[in-house]
């Protein structure tokens, strides 16, 4: 009985591990597909925005101030850092050092669990987070070049910041964009289930 139970347990464990690996692969594939769609749509939005879009390498407006990320973002960043360690351990080490310094500065007043990075929930916690670390520079930003060192692995918020993006509160856009052409001259975005198109008034 004990031997059979152990064998059954081993099979069950292997089956669970296999299912978990399959789920991880499907999740990674789905995340990759979503990123392709988002990146393509934002590239189109950037093209349509033309000369009024100031997003350029070295512009770091979107790299200052903390924001919430999801678990897919976290996994993508971890994988990106692990890949960077294989190709440029020194750069990866500098990112880790900046991240540790940032955690040390922010952990005391972090509105959640500072060890896990999980935010508290509820209106009060949201209000605390809204006022939290708005001047903190992202540790992935290279202070010398002004470039993101994990650009291909960046969170979804980073990918959608800059060009006009529809949000619950209206049309979201970086405050540096369209300074010569007010956002009220932009026509509303039209969205479909697979693609998003953006139009500007002529």
Protein backbone atom coordinates (compact mmCIF):
# COMPACT_ATOMS: atom_id res chain seq x y z
CA UNK A 1 0.00 0.00 0.00
CA UNK A 2 2.73 2.43 0.91
CA UNK A 3 4.65 1.72 -2.28
CA UNK A 4 1.55 2.09 -4.43
CA UNK A 5 0.58 5.29 -2.66
CA UNK A 6 4.08 6.72 -3.12
CA UNK A 7 4.05 5.78 -6.79
CA UNK A 8 0.62 7.28 -7.24
CA UNK A 9 1.75 10.41 -5.47
CA UNK A 10 4.78 10.63 -7.73
CA UNK A 11 2.62 10.32 -10.82
CA UNK A 12 0.24 12.90 -9.46
CA UNK A 13 3.11 15.27 -8.71
CA UNK A 14 4.56 14.83 -12.19
CA UNK A 15 1.11 15.37 -13.70
CA UNK A 16 0.63 18.55 -11.67
CA UNK A 17 4.09 19.81 -12.64
CA UNK A 18 3.37 19.06 -16.30
CA UNK A 19 0.04 20.90 -16.10
CA UNK A 20 1.73 23.84 -14.41
CA UNK A 21 4.45 23.95 -17.08
CA UNK A 22 1.80 23.79 -19.81
CA UNK A 23 -0.15 26.63 -18.16
CA UNK A 24 3.03 28.71 -17.89
CA UNK A 25 3.83 28.15 -21.55
CA UNK A 26 0.29 29.05 -22.61
CA UNK A 27 0.38 32.13 -20.40
CA UNK A 28 3.72 33.20 -21.84
CA UNK A 29 2.43 32.66 -25.38
CA UNK A 30 -0.74 34.65 -24.64
CA UNK A 31 1.33 37.43 -23.03
CA UNK A 32 3.59 37.52 -26.09
CA UNK A 33 0.59 37.74 -28.41
CA UNK A 34 -0.93 40.56 -26.35
CA UNK A 35 2.35 42.48 -26.38
CA UNK A 36 2.55 42.20 -30.16
CA UNK A 37 -0.96 43.64 -30.50
CA UNK A 38 -0.32 46.47 -28.02
CA UNK A 39 3.06 47.35 -29.52
CA UNK A 40 1.64 47.38 -33.04
CA UNK A 41 -1.28 49.59 -32.02
CA UNK A 42 0.94 52.02 -30.12
CA UNK A 43 3.38 52.19 -33.04
CA UNK A 44 0.42 53.11 -35.24
CA UNK A 45 -0.71 55.70 -32.68
CA UNK A 46 2.79 57.15 -32.61
CA UNK A 47 2.88 57.33 -36.40
CA UNK A 48 -0.50 59.07 -36.52
CA UNK A 49 0.56 61.50 -33.80
CA UNK A 50 3.33 62.73 -36.05
CA UNK A 51 5.57 65.59 -35.03
CA UNK A 52 3.50 66.34 -31.91
CA UNK A 53 4.61 63.13 -30.22
CA UNK A 54 7.72 63.95 -28.18
CA UNK A 55 8.44 60.37 -27.07
CA UNK A 56 12.08 59.77 -28.01
CA UNK A 57 15.02 57.80 -26.60
CA UNK A 58 16.30 59.81 -23.68
CA UNK A 59 12.93 61.34 -22.74
CA UNK A 60 12.32 60.00 -19.23
CA UNK A 61 9.01 61.63 -18.29
CA UNK A 62 7.35 58.22 -17.97
CA UNK A 63 10.24 56.76 -15.92
CA UNK A 64 9.63 58.86 -12.81
CA UNK A 65 7.02 57.94 -10.21
CA UNK A 66 5.86 54.51 -9.13
CA UNK A 67 2.85 52.73 -10.61
CA UNK A 68 1.19 49.37 -10.13
CA UNK A 69 2.14 46.43 -12.35
CA UNK A 70 0.49 43.04 -12.74
CA UNK A 71 1.97 39.57 -12.29
CA UNK A 72 2.63 39.14 -16.01
CA UNK A 73 4.64 42.36 -15.96
CA UNK A 74 6.62 41.09 -12.96
CA UNK A 75 7.39 37.76 -14.61
CA UNK A 76 8.41 39.48 -17.84
CA UNK A 77 10.78 41.79 -15.94
CA UNK A 78 12.30 38.88 -14.03
CA UNK A 79 12.90 36.99 -17.25
CA UNK A 80 14.33 40.08 -18.93
CA UNK A 81 16.76 40.64 -16.07
CA UNK A 82 17.78 36.97 -16.07
CA UNK A 83 18.49 37.16 -19.82
CA UNK A 84 20.48 40.37 -19.36
CA UNK A 85 22.60 38.67 -16.68
CA UNK A 86 23.65 36.10 -19.28
CA UNK A 87 24.74 38.71 -21.81
CA UNK A 88 25.84 41.63 -19.62
CA UNK A 89 26.19 40.73 -15.96
CA UNK A 90 27.59 44.17 -15.08
CA UNK A 91 24.51 46.00 -16.38
CA UNK A 92 22.21 43.54 -14.64
CA UNK A 93 24.14 44.06 -11.43
CA UNK A 94 23.71 47.83 -11.66
CA UNK A 95 19.95 47.39 -12.11
CA UNK A 96 19.80 45.13 -9.05
CA UNK A 97 21.77 47.66 -7.01
CA UNK A 98 19.47 50.53 -8.03
CA UNK A 99 16.44 48.36 -7.27
CA UNK A 100 17.76 47.49 -3.80
CA UNK A 101 18.43 51.17 -3.09
CA UNK A 102 14.92 52.05 -4.25
CA UNK A 103 13.34 49.35 -2.07
CA UNK A 104 15.30 50.58 0.93
CA UNK A 105 14.06 54.14 0.40
CA UNK A 106 10.43 53.19 -0.19
CA UNK A 107 9.76 50.21 2.07
CA UNK A 108 8.95 52.20 5.22
CA UNK A 109 5.98 54.02 3.69
CA UNK A 110 5.01 51.42 1.09
CA UNK A 111 1.19 51.11 1.09
CA UNK A 112 1.20 47.32 1.15
CA UNK A 113 3.50 44.41 1.86
CA UNK A 114 7.02 45.74 1.26
CA UNK A 115 8.50 42.22 1.10
CA UNK A 116 6.19 40.91 -1.62
CA UNK A 117 5.44 44.22 -3.30
CA UNK A 118 1.70 43.51 -3.19
CA UNK A 119 -0.36 46.66 -2.63
CA UNK A 120 -3.09 46.97 -0.01
CA UNK A 121 -6.63 47.18 -1.34
CA UNK A 122 -9.42 49.64 -0.66
CA UNK A 123 -10.04 53.37 -1.12
CA UNK A 124 -7.67 54.44 1.66
CA UNK A 125 -4.83 52.33 0.26
CA UNK A 126 -5.46 53.68 -3.24
CA UNK A 127 -5.32 57.23 -1.91
CA UNK A 128 -2.04 56.50 -0.11
CA UNK A 129 -0.56 54.99 -3.26
CA UNK A 130 -1.64 57.98 -5.35
CA UNK A 131 0.59 60.17 -3.18
CA UNK A 132 3.40 57.65 -2.86
CA UNK A 133 6.89 58.02 -4.36
CA UNK A 134 5.90 60.24 -7.27
CA UNK A 135 9.50 61.43 -7.62
CA UNK A 136 11.12 57.98 -7.53
CA UNK A 137 13.11 57.14 -10.66
CA UNK A 138 12.64 53.65 -12.11
CA UNK A 139 15.67 51.49 -11.21
CA UNK A 140 15.70 50.07 -14.74
CA UNK A 141 16.43 53.52 -16.19
CA UNK A 142 20.11 54.00 -17.01
CA UNK A 143 20.95 57.37 -15.40
CA UNK A 144 23.77 58.00 -17.87
CA UNK A 145 21.98 57.32 -21.16
CA UNK A 146 18.37 57.96 -20.17
CA UNK A 147 17.41 54.62 -21.73
CA UNK A 148 15.40 51.71 -20.33
CA UNK A 149 17.74 48.76 -19.76
CA UNK A 150 14.90 46.21 -19.91
CA UNK A 151 12.97 47.85 -22.73
CA UNK A 152 11.77 44.62 -24.37
CA UNK A 153 10.50 43.37 -21.00
CA UNK A 154 8.89 46.63 -19.85
CA UNK A 155 5.46 46.61 -18.17
CA UNK A 156 2.25 47.23 -20.07
CA UNK A 157 1.84 50.71 -18.57
CA UNK A 158 5.22 51.71 -20.02
CA UNK A 159 4.17 50.39 -23.44
CA UNK A 160 0.98 52.43 -23.51
CA UNK A 161 2.28 55.72 -22.09
CA UNK A 162 2.76 58.67 -24.41
CA UNK A 163 0.43 58.60 -27.43
CA UNK A 164 -3.31 59.15 -26.86
CA UNK A 165 -4.87 56.10 -25.23
CA UNK A 166 -8.54 55.77 -24.25
CA UNK A 167 -9.02 55.34 -20.48
CA UNK A 168 -11.96 55.31 -18.08
CA UNK A 169 -11.38 59.00 -17.43
CA UNK A 170 -11.17 59.99 -21.09
CA UNK A 171 -8.24 60.28 -23.46
CA UNK A 172 -4.97 59.63 -21.63
CA UNK A 173 -1.84 61.22 -23.03
CA UNK A 174 1.59 62.25 -21.72
CA UNK A 175 1.57 65.86 -20.51
CA UNK A 176 4.51 66.66 -22.79
CA UNK A 177 2.69 65.53 -25.92
CA UNK A 178 0.59 67.83 -28.12
CA UNK A 179 1.74 70.99 -26.33
CA UNK A 180 1.53 72.75 -29.69
CA UNK A 181 -1.73 71.04 -30.61
CA UNK A 182 -4.33 70.65 -27.81
CA UNK A 183 -5.74 67.18 -27.19
CA UNK A 184 -9.27 68.51 -27.78
CA UNK A 185 -8.32 68.67 -31.47
CA UNK A 186 -8.00 64.89 -31.44
CA UNK A 187 -10.91 62.80 -32.59
CA UNK A 188 -12.02 59.98 -30.25
CA UNK A 189 -10.21 56.68 -30.66
CA UNK A 190 -12.09 53.87 -32.35
CA UNK A 191 -11.48 50.41 -30.94
CA UNK A 192 -12.15 46.96 -32.29
CA UNK A 193 -11.73 43.60 -30.58
CA UNK A 194 -8.32 43.00 -32.14
CA UNK A 195 -6.97 46.37 -33.22
CA UNK A 196 -7.15 49.96 -32.05
CA UNK A 197 -7.06 52.84 -34.51
CA UNK A 198 -6.38 56.47 -33.75
CA UNK A 199 -7.42 59.50 -35.75
CA UNK A 200 -6.35 63.12 -35.61
CA UNK A 201 -8.31 66.02 -36.93
CA UNK A 202 -6.74 67.60 -40.01
